[in-house]
Amino acid sequence: NAHNFPLDLAAGEAPVTNG
């Protein structure tokens, strides 16, 4: 993932806000 805050949470990735 490209670390998109709302989406990455569901994917189990770090919540790095990317716009």
C-alpha atoms as a PDB file:
ATOM      1  CA  ASN A   1       0.000   0.000   0.000  1.00  0.00           C
ATOM      2  CA  ALA A   2       0.971   3.628  -0.449  1.00  0.00           C
ATOM      3  CA  HIS A   3       0.164   4.318   3.212  1.00  0.00           C
ATOM      4  CA  ASN A   4      -3.157   6.072   2.882  1.00  0.00           C
ATOM      5  CA  PHE A   5      -4.393   6.595   6.424  1.00  0.00           C
ATOM      6  CA  PRO A   6      -8.023   5.359   6.260  1.00  0.00           C
ATOM      7  CA  LEU A   7      -7.233   2.456   3.942  1.00  0.00           C
ATOM      8  CA  ASP A   8      -4.021   1.192   5.484  1.00  0.00           C
ATOM      9  CA  LEU A   9      -5.681   0.681   8.851  1.00  0.00           C
ATOM     10  CA  ALA A  10      -7.864  -2.006   7.299  1.00  0.00           C
ATOM     11  CA  ALA A  11      -4.859  -3.490   5.520  1.00  0.00           C
ATOM     12  CA  GLY A  12      -2.960  -3.723   8.789  1.00  0.00           C
ATOM     13  CA  GLU A  13      -0.315  -1.125   7.978  1.00  0.00           C
ATOM     14  CA  ALA A  14       0.988   1.856   9.931  1.00  0.00           C
ATOM     15  CA  PRO A  15      -1.355   4.878   9.873  1.00  0.00           C
ATOM     16  CA  VAL A  16       0.930   7.216   7.932  1.00  0.00           C
ATOM     17  CA  THR A  17      -1.256  10.029   6.652  1.00  0.00           C
ATOM     18  CA  ASN A  18      -0.475  10.596   2.997  1.00  0.00           C
ATOM     19  CA  GLY A  19      -3.035  13.198   1.987  1.00  0.00           C
END
